Amino acid sequence: MAALFIAQLLGRHLGIDQQLIIVLCAVAASVGAAGIPSAGLITMTLVLTAVDLPLEYSLLLIPIDWFLDRFRTMINVCGDLCVSCVLDGKTPGRDEESEHVAQP
């Protein structure tokens, strides 16, 4: 979204091929960026360079990236928690009744 915003800000028309490049680069960059603080700014350089947009305009995103980074981290942690709960329930050989401690 930020790359499209910067393109609109500059008055540049991005064709469907450039928009597809943005999507592919954003997905590829986001796969390994979940554990990096402020990774949005780091991956933005890859996306902007791929479609020949100037990197200087990525500085406009610094004031809101701090706020958005908190939501990205929250979604990542919640996703990790959900997957670990699902995998915990599928562990073979666990006896559900032996896990409950009898209350006196």
C-alpha atoms as a PDB file:
ATOM      1  CA  MET A   1       0.000   0.000   0.000  1.00  0.00           C
ATOM      2  CA  ALA A   2       2.839   2.362   0.779  1.00  0.00           C
ATOM      3  CA  ALA A   3       4.388   1.846  -2.654  1.00  0.00           C
ATOM      4  CA  LEU A   4       1.064   2.608  -4.321  1.00  0.00           C
ATOM      5  CA  PHE A   5       0.704   5.697  -2.125  1.00  0.00           C
ATOM      6  CA  ILE A   6       4.155   6.932  -3.116  1.00  0.00           C
ATOM      7  CA  ALA A   7       3.415   6.317  -6.803  1.00  0.00           C
ATOM      8  CA  GLN A   8       0.197   8.324  -6.519  1.00  0.00           C
ATOM      9  CA  LEU A   9       2.030  11.057  -4.633  1.00  0.00           C
ATOM     10  CA  LEU A  10       4.494  11.344  -7.505  1.00  0.00           C
ATOM     11  CA  GLY A  11       1.746  11.158 -10.120  1.00  0.00           C
ATOM     12  CA  ARG A  12       3.163   7.997 -11.695  1.00  0.00           C
ATOM     13  CA  HIS A  13       0.915   5.415 -13.269  1.00  0.00           C
ATOM     14  CA  LEU A  14       1.808   1.852 -12.357  1.00  0.00           C
ATOM     15  CA  GLY A  15       0.761  -0.752 -14.874  1.00  0.00           C
ATOM     16  CA  ILE A  16      -0.666  -4.105 -13.896  1.00  0.00           C
ATOM     17  CA  ASP A  17       2.774  -5.685 -14.328  1.00  0.00           C
ATOM     18  CA  GLN A  18       4.358  -3.243 -11.875  1.00  0.00           C
ATOM     19  CA  GLN A  19       1.505  -3.773  -9.411  1.00  0.00           C
ATOM     20  CA  LEU A  20       2.068  -7.517  -9.636  1.00  0.00           C
ATOM     21  CA  ILE A  21       5.786  -6.979  -8.983  1.00  0.00           C
ATOM     22  CA  ILE A  22       4.860  -4.972  -5.875  1.00  0.00           C
ATOM     23  CA  VAL A  23       2.655  -7.791  -4.612  1.00  0.00           C
ATOM     24  CA  LEU A  24       5.262 -10.484  -5.246  1.00  0.00           C
ATOM     25  CA  CYS A  25       8.086  -8.464  -3.683  1.00  0.00           C
ATOM     26  CA  ALA A  26       5.968  -7.580  -0.654  1.00  0.00           C
ATOM     27  CA  VAL A  27       4.994 -11.204  -0.050  1.00  0.00           C
ATOM     28  CA  ALA A  28       8.560 -12.443  -0.516  1.00  0.00           C
ATOM     29  CA  ALA A  29       9.963  -9.745   1.773  1.00  0.00           C
ATOM     30  CA  SER A  30       7.373 -10.288   4.492  1.00  0.00           C
ATOM     31  CA  VAL A  31       8.103 -13.998   4.864  1.00  0.00           C
ATOM     32  CA  GLY A  32      11.366 -13.482   6.720  1.00  0.00           C
ATOM     33  CA  ALA A  33      10.664 -10.111   8.271  1.00  0.00           C
ATOM     34  CA  ALA A  34       8.312 -11.060  11.109  1.00  0.00           C
ATOM     35  CA  GLY A  35      10.986 -11.046  13.796  1.00  0.00           C
ATOM     36  CA  ILE A  36      12.728  -7.838  12.731  1.00  0.00           C
ATOM     37  CA  PRO A  37      11.720  -4.597  14.475  1.00  0.00           C
ATOM     38  CA  SER A  38      10.582  -1.920  11.993  1.00  0.00           C
ATOM     39  CA  ALA A  39      10.908  -4.399   9.149  1.00  0.00           C
ATOM     40  CA  GLY A  40       8.396  -2.425   7.101  1.00  0.00           C
ATOM     41  CA  LEU A  41      10.980   0.251   6.394  1.00  0.00           C
ATOM     42  CA  ILE A  42      13.601  -2.324   5.496  1.00  0.00           C
ATOM     43  CA  THR A  43      11.384  -4.247   3.105  1.00  0.00           C
ATOM     44  CA  MET A  44      10.040  -1.012   1.616  1.00  0.00           C
ATOM     45  CA  THR A  45      13.422  -0.379  -0.015  1.00  0.00           C
ATOM     46  CA  LEU A  46      13.125  -3.684  -1.878  1.00  0.00           C
ATOM     47  CA  VAL A  47       9.622  -2.922  -3.125  1.00  0.00           C
ATOM     48  CA  LEU A  48      10.377   0.661  -4.168  1.00  0.00           C
ATOM     49  CA  THR A  49      13.556  -0.341  -5.961  1.00  0.00           C
ATOM     50  CA  ALA A  50      11.729  -3.104  -7.857  1.00  0.00           C
ATOM     51  CA  VAL A  51       9.353  -0.600  -9.495  1.00  0.00           C
ATOM     52  CA  ASP A  52      11.848   2.289  -9.859  1.00  0.00           C
ATOM     53  CA  LEU A  53      10.320   4.589  -7.258  1.00  0.00           C
ATOM     54  CA  PRO A  54      12.667   6.911  -5.318  1.00  0.00           C
ATOM     55  CA  LEU A  55      13.691   5.645  -1.893  1.00  0.00           C
ATOM     56  CA  GLU A  56      13.595   9.145  -0.375  1.00  0.00           C
ATOM     57  CA  TYR A  57       9.819   9.035  -0.180  1.00  0.00           C
ATOM     58  CA  SER A  58       9.914   6.036   2.134  1.00  0.00           C
ATOM     59  CA  LEU A  59      10.924   8.507   4.859  1.00  0.00           C
ATOM     60  CA  LEU A  60       7.323   9.739   4.854  1.00  0.00           C
ATOM     61  CA  LEU A  61       6.368   6.429   6.437  1.00  0.00           C
ATOM     62  CA  ILE A  62       8.594   6.701   9.513  1.00  0.00           C
ATOM     63  CA  PRO A  63       6.019   8.507  11.706  1.00  0.00           C
ATOM     64  CA  ILE A  64       3.340   5.872  11.165  1.00  0.00           C
ATOM     65  CA  ASP A  65       5.584   2.812  10.888  1.00  0.00           C
ATOM     66  CA  TRP A  66       6.168   2.720  14.650  1.00  0.00           C
ATOM     67  CA  PHE A  67       2.422   2.474  15.234  1.00  0.00           C
ATOM     68  CA  LEU A  68       1.830  -0.067  12.450  1.00  0.00           C
ATOM     69  CA  ASP A  69       4.761  -2.185  13.628  1.00  0.00           C
ATOM     70  CA  ARG A  70       2.974  -2.781  16.926  1.00  0.00           C
ATOM     71  CA  PHE A  71      -0.024  -4.245  15.093  1.00  0.00           C
ATOM     72  CA  ARG A  72       2.172  -6.408  12.871  1.00  0.00           C
ATOM     73  CA  THR A  73       3.904  -7.770  15.963  1.00  0.00           C
ATOM     74  CA  MET A  74       0.571  -8.431  17.685  1.00  0.00           C
ATOM     75  CA  ILE A  75      -0.751 -10.353  14.665  1.00  0.00           C
ATOM     76  CA  ASN A  76       2.475 -12.361  14.447  1.00  0.00           C
ATOM     77  CA  VAL A  77       2.363 -13.308  18.134  1.00  0.00           C
ATOM     78  CA  CYS A  78      -1.336 -14.244  17.967  1.00  0.00           C
ATOM     79  CA  GLY A  79      -0.709 -16.397  14.901  1.00  0.00           C
ATOM     80  CA  ASP A  80       2.201 -18.166  16.585  1.00  0.00           C
ATOM     81  CA  LEU A  81       0.045 -18.741  19.672  1.00  0.00           C
ATOM     82  CA  CYS A  82      -2.818 -20.211  17.632  1.00  0.00           C
ATOM     83  CA  VAL A  83      -0.521 -22.586  15.746  1.00  0.00           C
ATOM     84  CA  SER A  84       1.178 -23.752  18.934  1.00  0.00           C
ATOM     85  CA  CYS A  85      -2.232 -24.419  20.563  1.00  0.00           C
ATOM     86  CA  VAL A  86      -3.372 -26.443  17.553  1.00  0.00           C
ATOM     87  CA  LEU A  87      -0.144 -28.435  17.496  1.00  0.00           C
ATOM     88  CA  ASP A  88      -0.344 -29.033  21.250  1.00  0.00           C
ATOM     89  CA  GLY A  89      -3.795 -30.567  20.841  1.00  0.00           C
ATOM     90  CA  LYS A  90      -2.529 -32.915  18.127  1.00  0.00           C
ATOM     91  CA  THR A  91       0.373 -34.332  20.112  1.00  0.00           C
ATOM     92  CA  PRO A  92       0.037 -38.139  20.029  1.00  0.00           C
ATOM     93  CA  GLY A  93       0.193 -40.233  23.192  1.00  0.00           C
ATOM     94  CA  ARG A  94      -1.149 -37.626  25.586  1.00  0.00           C
ATOM     95  CA  ASP A  95      -3.650 -38.707  28.178  1.00  0.00           C
ATOM     96  CA  GLU A  96      -6.095 -35.847  28.715  1.00  0.00           C
ATOM     97  CA  GLU A  97      -7.320 -37.105  32.111  1.00  0.00           C
ATOM     98  CA  SER A  98      -3.819 -37.433  33.573  1.00  0.00           C
ATOM     99  CA  GLU A  99      -3.177 -33.744  32.929  1.00  0.00           C
ATOM    100  CA  HIS A 100      -5.927 -32.601  35.252  1.00  0.00           C
ATOM    101  CA  VAL A 101      -4.811 -32.451  38.845  1.00  0.00           C
ATOM    102  CA  ALA A 102      -7.427 -33.631  41.326  1.00  0.00           C
ATOM    103  CA  GLN A 103      -8.656 -30.818  43.536  1.00  0.00           C
ATOM    104  CA  PRO A 104      -8.738 -31.695  47.284  1.00  0.00           C
END
